[in-house]
């Protein structure tokens, strides 16, 4: 299925063997609308499909997608540089969400004034861990003039949903690497 979300963008999903999958290209699940149409025309081609959490009830009567929000909340409660030990996935998510929230509030260049080189490297490593190469690249190109803020805002929050790209990457990682979450 190709879900058209606005005049220029879409998301591509499919169901195989009872699993929900979505297409990821260039580190994002948001594709140009024309690319979605190409995919519809060549369904047998070799694409990069990643797992999505299902909309199903889990233990404790929570929707599995609630796990994403609970995990994000847990990561936001941490200061990863103050508590350097923990499940690897949670540590990366904490770094990435600290960068994201700072960028949304103060502009993408905020770490240049407030963080060490090691922390900035950890932000980029966290983006790479989640397969968000475009975000990692942007972090590596930060400049004091904050010219990349709008690029980051558009990249991290397509469709006007705050951190939706990060949350989708988290959904995939929770499915594909559950051992990284403790």
C-alpha atoms as a PDB file:
ATOM      1  CA  UNK A   1       0.000   0.000   0.000  1.00  0.00           C
ATOM      2  CA  UNK A   2       1.102   3.521  -0.675  1.00  0.00           C
ATOM      3  CA  UNK A   3      -0.329   6.093   1.729  1.00  0.00           C
ATOM      4  CA  UNK A   4      -0.300   9.585   0.248  1.00  0.00           C
ATOM      5  CA  UNK A   5       0.118  11.980   3.138  1.00  0.00           C
ATOM      6  CA  UNK A   6       0.375  15.312   1.377  1.00  0.00           C
ATOM      7  CA  UNK A   7       0.732  16.516  -2.233  1.00  0.00           C
ATOM      8  CA  UNK A   8       4.451  15.660  -2.312  1.00  0.00           C
ATOM      9  CA  UNK A   9       5.005  12.732   0.088  1.00  0.00           C
ATOM     10  CA  UNK A  10       3.880   9.194   0.843  1.00  0.00           C
ATOM     11  CA  UNK A  11       4.588   6.142   3.004  1.00  0.00           C
ATOM     12  CA  UNK A  12       4.830   2.620   1.584  1.00  0.00           C
ATOM     13  CA  UNK A  13       3.676  -0.369   3.653  1.00  0.00           C
ATOM     14  CA  UNK A  14       2.984  -4.054   3.120  1.00  0.00           C
ATOM     15  CA  UNK A  15       2.014  -7.129   5.103  1.00  0.00           C
ATOM     16  CA  UNK A  16       4.023 -10.352   4.700  1.00  0.00           C
ATOM     17  CA  UNK A  17       3.599 -13.479   6.789  1.00  0.00           C
ATOM     18  CA  UNK A  18       1.411 -11.709   9.310  1.00  0.00           C
ATOM     19  CA  UNK A  19       3.998  -8.942   9.868  1.00  0.00           C
ATOM     20  CA  UNK A  20       3.570  -5.262   9.071  1.00  0.00           C
ATOM     21  CA  UNK A  21       6.503  -3.809   7.157  1.00  0.00           C
ATOM     22  CA  UNK A  22       7.310  -0.375   5.817  1.00  0.00           C
ATOM     23  CA  UNK A  23       9.780   0.769   3.207  1.00  0.00           C
ATOM     24  CA  UNK A  24      12.823   2.796   4.225  1.00  0.00           C
ATOM     25  CA  UNK A  25      15.048   4.606   1.755  1.00  0.00           C
ATOM     26  CA  UNK A  26      17.807   7.102   2.556  1.00  0.00           C
ATOM     27  CA  UNK A  27      17.160   6.688   6.271  1.00  0.00           C
ATOM     28  CA  UNK A  28      13.501   7.726   6.140  1.00  0.00           C
ATOM     29  CA  UNK A  29      10.107   6.145   5.667  1.00  0.00           C
ATOM     30  CA  UNK A  30       8.766   9.367   4.095  1.00  0.00           C
ATOM     31  CA  UNK A  31       9.228   9.185   0.347  1.00  0.00           C
ATOM     32  CA  UNK A  32       8.538  11.544  -2.517  1.00  0.00           C
ATOM     33  CA  UNK A  33       5.101  10.787  -3.940  1.00  0.00           C
ATOM     34  CA  UNK A  34       6.572   9.983  -7.368  1.00  0.00           C
ATOM     35  CA  UNK A  35       8.799   7.337  -5.739  1.00  0.00           C
ATOM     36  CA  UNK A  36       5.733   5.686  -4.211  1.00  0.00           C
ATOM     37  CA  UNK A  37       4.177   5.455  -7.657  1.00  0.00           C
ATOM     38  CA  UNK A  38       7.366   3.844  -9.016  1.00  0.00           C
ATOM     39  CA  UNK A  39       7.176   1.232  -6.258  1.00  0.00           C
ATOM     40  CA  UNK A  40       3.568   0.441  -7.136  1.00  0.00           C
ATOM     41  CA  UNK A  41       4.641  -0.153 -10.735  1.00  0.00           C
ATOM     42  CA  UNK A  42       7.500  -2.527  -9.778  1.00  0.00           C
ATOM     43  CA  UNK A  43       6.275  -4.511  -6.759  1.00  0.00           C
ATOM     44  CA  UNK A  44       8.755  -7.373  -7.218  1.00  0.00           C
ATOM     45  CA  UNK A  45      11.882  -5.214  -6.971  1.00  0.00           C
ATOM     46  CA  UNK A  46      14.287  -5.568  -4.053  1.00  0.00           C
ATOM     47  CA  UNK A  47      13.369  -2.879  -1.501  1.00  0.00           C
ATOM     48  CA  UNK A  48      14.479  -2.352   2.111  1.00  0.00           C
ATOM     49  CA  UNK A  49      11.487  -3.414   4.198  1.00  0.00           C
ATOM     50  CA  UNK A  50      11.663  -3.039   7.973  1.00  0.00           C
ATOM     51  CA  UNK A  51       9.344  -4.309  10.689  1.00  0.00           C
ATOM     52  CA  UNK A  52       6.683  -2.149  12.259  1.00  0.00           C
ATOM     53  CA  UNK A  53       4.982  -2.841  15.548  1.00  0.00           C
ATOM     54  CA  UNK A  54       1.463  -4.156  15.086  1.00  0.00           C
ATOM     55  CA  UNK A  55      -1.694  -2.546  16.425  1.00  0.00           C
ATOM     56  CA  UNK A  56      -2.479  -5.397  18.805  1.00  0.00           C
ATOM     57  CA  UNK A  57      -3.115  -5.757  22.484  1.00  0.00           C
ATOM     58  CA  UNK A  58      -0.159  -6.885  24.541  1.00  0.00           C
ATOM     59  CA  UNK A  59       0.466  -7.779  28.155  1.00  0.00           C
ATOM     60  CA  UNK A  60      -1.211  -5.434  30.586  1.00  0.00           C
ATOM     61  CA  UNK A  61      -3.824  -4.313  28.025  1.00  0.00           C
ATOM     62  CA  UNK A  62      -1.465  -1.832  26.371  1.00  0.00           C
ATOM     63  CA  UNK A  63      -1.251  -1.377  22.647  1.00  0.00           C
ATOM     64  CA  UNK A  64       2.190  -2.308  21.409  1.00  0.00           C
ATOM     65  CA  UNK A  65       2.531   1.178  19.976  1.00  0.00           C
ATOM     66  CA  UNK A  66       2.191   2.480  23.536  1.00  0.00           C
ATOM     67  CA  UNK A  67       5.579   0.822  24.112  1.00  0.00           C
ATOM     68  CA  UNK A  68       7.115   3.423  21.817  1.00  0.00           C
ATOM     69  CA  UNK A  69       5.794   6.346  23.854  1.00  0.00           C
ATOM     70  CA  UNK A  70       6.738   4.683  27.152  1.00  0.00           C
ATOM     71  CA  UNK A  71      10.248   4.015  25.869  1.00  0.00           C
ATOM     72  CA  UNK A  72      10.623   7.612  24.650  1.00  0.00           C
ATOM     73  CA  UNK A  73       9.452   8.877  28.050  1.00  0.00           C
ATOM     74  CA  UNK A  74      11.968   6.628  29.800  1.00  0.00           C
ATOM     75  CA  UNK A  75      14.787   7.891  27.540  1.00  0.00           C
ATOM     76  CA  UNK A  76      13.822  11.508  28.168  1.00  0.00           C
ATOM     77  CA  UNK A  77      13.986  10.947  31.916  1.00  0.00           C
ATOM     78  CA  UNK A  78      17.667   9.978  31.600  1.00  0.00           C
ATOM     79  CA  UNK A  79      20.698  12.183  31.252  1.00  0.00           C
ATOM     80  CA  UNK A  80      22.828   9.708  29.314  1.00  0.00           C
ATOM     81  CA  UNK A  81      26.114  11.471  30.079  1.00  0.00           C
ATOM     82  CA  UNK A  82      25.309  11.380  33.818  1.00  0.00           C
ATOM     83  CA  UNK A  83      24.246   7.716  33.809  1.00  0.00           C
ATOM     84  CA  UNK A  84      26.579   6.150  31.237  1.00  0.00           C
ATOM     85  CA  UNK A  85      25.348   2.588  31.778  1.00  0.00           C
ATOM     86  CA  UNK A  86      22.121   1.057  30.618  1.00  0.00           C
ATOM     87  CA  UNK A  87      20.616  -0.882  27.748  1.00  0.00           C
ATOM     88  CA  UNK A  88      22.354   0.179  24.545  1.00  0.00           C
ATOM     89  CA  UNK A  89      19.131   1.023  22.711  1.00  0.00           C
ATOM     90  CA  UNK A  90      17.877   3.174  25.567  1.00  0.00           C
ATOM     91  CA  UNK A  91      21.186   5.034  25.829  1.00  0.00           C
ATOM     92  CA  UNK A  92      21.136   5.837  22.096  1.00  0.00           C
ATOM     93  CA  UNK A  93      17.488   6.901  22.244  1.00  0.00           C
ATOM     94  CA  UNK A  94      18.224   9.144  25.206  1.00  0.00           C
ATOM     95  CA  UNK A  95      21.041  10.902  23.354  1.00  0.00           C
ATOM     96  CA  UNK A  96      18.938  11.264  20.220  1.00  0.00           C
ATOM     97  CA  UNK A  97      15.907  12.639  22.075  1.00  0.00           C
ATOM     98  CA  UNK A  98      18.094  15.100  24.013  1.00  0.00           C
ATOM     99  CA  UNK A  99      19.465  16.364  20.703  1.00  0.00           C
ATOM    100  CA  UNK A 100      16.002  16.458  19.155  1.00  0.00           C
ATOM    101  CA  UNK A 101      14.341  18.360  21.986  1.00  0.00           C
ATOM    102  CA  UNK A 102      17.203  20.835  22.131  1.00  0.00           C
ATOM    103  CA  UNK A 103      17.048  21.359  18.361  1.00  0.00           C
ATOM    104  CA  UNK A 104      13.297  21.888  18.419  1.00  0.00           C
ATOM    105  CA  UNK A 105      13.515  24.400  21.275  1.00  0.00           C
ATOM    106  CA  UNK A 106      16.799  26.196  20.541  1.00  0.00           C
ATOM    107  CA  UNK A 107      17.794  25.393  16.960  1.00  0.00           C
ATOM    108  CA  UNK A 108      19.898  22.572  15.584  1.00  0.00           C
ATOM    109  CA  UNK A 109      23.197  24.270  16.480  1.00  0.00           C
ATOM    110  CA  UNK A 110      22.473  24.280  20.230  1.00  0.00           C
ATOM    111  CA  UNK A 111      25.050  21.560  21.012  1.00  0.00           C
ATOM    112  CA  UNK A 112      27.889  23.722  19.707  1.00  0.00           C
ATOM    113  CA  UNK A 113      27.477  26.024  22.714  1.00  0.00           C
ATOM    114  CA  UNK A 114      26.236  23.609  25.356  1.00  0.00           C
ATOM    115  CA  UNK A 115      27.839  20.202  24.727  1.00  0.00           C
ATOM    116  CA  UNK A 116      31.232  18.552  24.580  1.00  0.00           C
ATOM    117  CA  UNK A 117      32.628  17.056  21.385  1.00  0.00           C
ATOM    118  CA  UNK A 118      31.999  13.598  22.902  1.00  0.00           C
ATOM    119  CA  UNK A 119      28.319  14.400  23.467  1.00  0.00           C
ATOM    120  CA  UNK A 120      27.915  15.681  19.901  1.00  0.00           C
ATOM    121  CA  UNK A 121      29.590  12.492  18.627  1.00  0.00           C
ATOM    122  CA  UNK A 122      27.165  10.478  20.786  1.00  0.00           C
ATOM    123  CA  UNK A 123      24.204  12.325  19.210  1.00  0.00           C
ATOM    124  CA  UNK A 124      25.456  11.357  15.736  1.00  0.00           C
ATOM    125  CA  UNK A 125      26.190   7.765  16.819  1.00  0.00           C
ATOM    126  CA  UNK A 126      22.649   7.496  18.177  1.00  0.00           C
ATOM    127  CA  UNK A 127      21.192   8.602  14.856  1.00  0.00           C
ATOM    128  CA  UNK A 128      23.328   6.016  13.050  1.00  0.00           C
ATOM    129  CA  UNK A 129      22.215   3.301  15.494  1.00  0.00           C
ATOM    130  CA  UNK A 130      18.605   3.972  14.475  1.00  0.00           C
ATOM    131  CA  UNK A 131      19.453   4.071  10.767  1.00  0.00           C
ATOM    132  CA  UNK A 132      18.803   7.815  10.578  1.00  0.00           C
ATOM    133  CA  UNK A 133      21.820   8.590   8.441  1.00  0.00           C
ATOM    134  CA  UNK A 134      20.439  11.920   7.210  1.00  0.00           C
ATOM    135  CA  UNK A 135      20.131  13.148  10.795  1.00  0.00           C
ATOM    136  CA  UNK A 136      23.637  11.889  11.633  1.00  0.00           C
ATOM    137  CA  UNK A 137      24.963  13.714   8.581  1.00  0.00           C
ATOM    138  CA  UNK A 138      23.219  16.913   9.633  1.00  0.00           C
ATOM    139  CA  UNK A 139      24.666  16.657  13.160  1.00  0.00           C
ATOM    140  CA  UNK A 140      28.119  16.287  11.604  1.00  0.00           C
ATOM    141  CA  UNK A 141      27.595  19.511   9.623  1.00  0.00           C
ATOM    142  CA  UNK A 142      26.373  21.795  12.421  1.00  0.00           C
ATOM    143  CA  UNK A 143      27.524  25.389  12.155  1.00  0.00           C
ATOM    144  CA  UNK A 144      27.222  28.264  14.655  1.00  0.00           C
ATOM    145  CA  UNK A 145      24.892  30.252  12.380  1.00  0.00           C
ATOM    146  CA  UNK A 146      22.136  27.647  12.885  1.00  0.00           C
ATOM    147  CA  UNK A 147      21.376  27.512   9.148  1.00  0.00           C
ATOM    148  CA  UNK A 148      20.405  23.832   9.402  1.00  0.00           C
ATOM    149  CA  UNK A 149      17.530  24.197  11.874  1.00  0.00           C
ATOM    150  CA  UNK A 150      14.768  24.233   9.279  1.00  0.00           C
ATOM    151  CA  UNK A 151      16.374  21.253   7.529  1.00  0.00           C
ATOM    152  CA  UNK A 152      16.378  19.354  10.816  1.00  0.00           C
ATOM    153  CA  UNK A 153      12.792  20.296  11.656  1.00  0.00           C
ATOM    154  CA  UNK A 154      11.590  19.121   8.228  1.00  0.00           C
ATOM    155  CA  UNK A 155      13.658  15.946   8.419  1.00  0.00           C
ATOM    156  CA  UNK A 156      12.770  14.841  11.950  1.00  0.00           C
ATOM    157  CA  UNK A 157       9.100  15.734  11.983  1.00  0.00           C
ATOM    158  CA  UNK A 158       7.492  15.154   8.590  1.00  0.00           C
ATOM    159  CA  UNK A 159       3.723  15.600   8.443  1.00  0.00           C
ATOM    160  CA  UNK A 160       3.945  17.973  11.415  1.00  0.00           C
ATOM    161  CA  UNK A 161       4.270  15.086  13.897  1.00  0.00           C
ATOM    162  CA  UNK A 162       7.019  15.828  16.419  1.00  0.00           C
ATOM    163  CA  UNK A 163       9.896  13.325  16.198  1.00  0.00           C
ATOM    164  CA  UNK A 164       7.849  10.964  14.031  1.00  0.00           C
ATOM    165  CA  UNK A 165      10.940   9.807  12.136  1.00  0.00           C
ATOM    166  CA  UNK A 166      12.681   8.944  15.411  1.00  0.00           C
ATOM    167  CA  UNK A 167       9.583   7.162  16.760  1.00  0.00           C
ATOM    168  CA  UNK A 168       9.266   5.083  13.579  1.00  0.00           C
ATOM    169  CA  UNK A 169      12.944   4.116  13.788  1.00  0.00           C
ATOM    170  CA  UNK A 170      12.353   3.159  17.428  1.00  0.00           C
ATOM    171  CA  UNK A 171       9.408   0.936  16.434  1.00  0.00           C
ATOM    172  CA  UNK A 172      11.677  -0.941  14.040  1.00  0.00           C
ATOM    173  CA  UNK A 173      14.474  -1.316  16.578  1.00  0.00           C
ATOM    174  CA  UNK A 174      12.145  -2.592  19.301  1.00  0.00           C
ATOM    175  CA  UNK A 175      11.111  -5.382  16.906  1.00  0.00           C
ATOM    176  CA  UNK A 176      14.469  -6.106  15.261  1.00  0.00           C
ATOM    177  CA  UNK A 177      16.773  -5.828  18.316  1.00  0.00           C
ATOM    178  CA  UNK A 178      14.730  -6.460  21.482  1.00  0.00           C
ATOM    179  CA  UNK A 179      17.908  -7.468  23.348  1.00  0.00           C
ATOM    180  CA  UNK A 180      19.107  -3.837  23.111  1.00  0.00           C
ATOM    181  CA  UNK A 181      16.311  -2.659  25.395  1.00  0.00           C
ATOM    182  CA  UNK A 182      17.128  -4.527  28.608  1.00  0.00           C
END
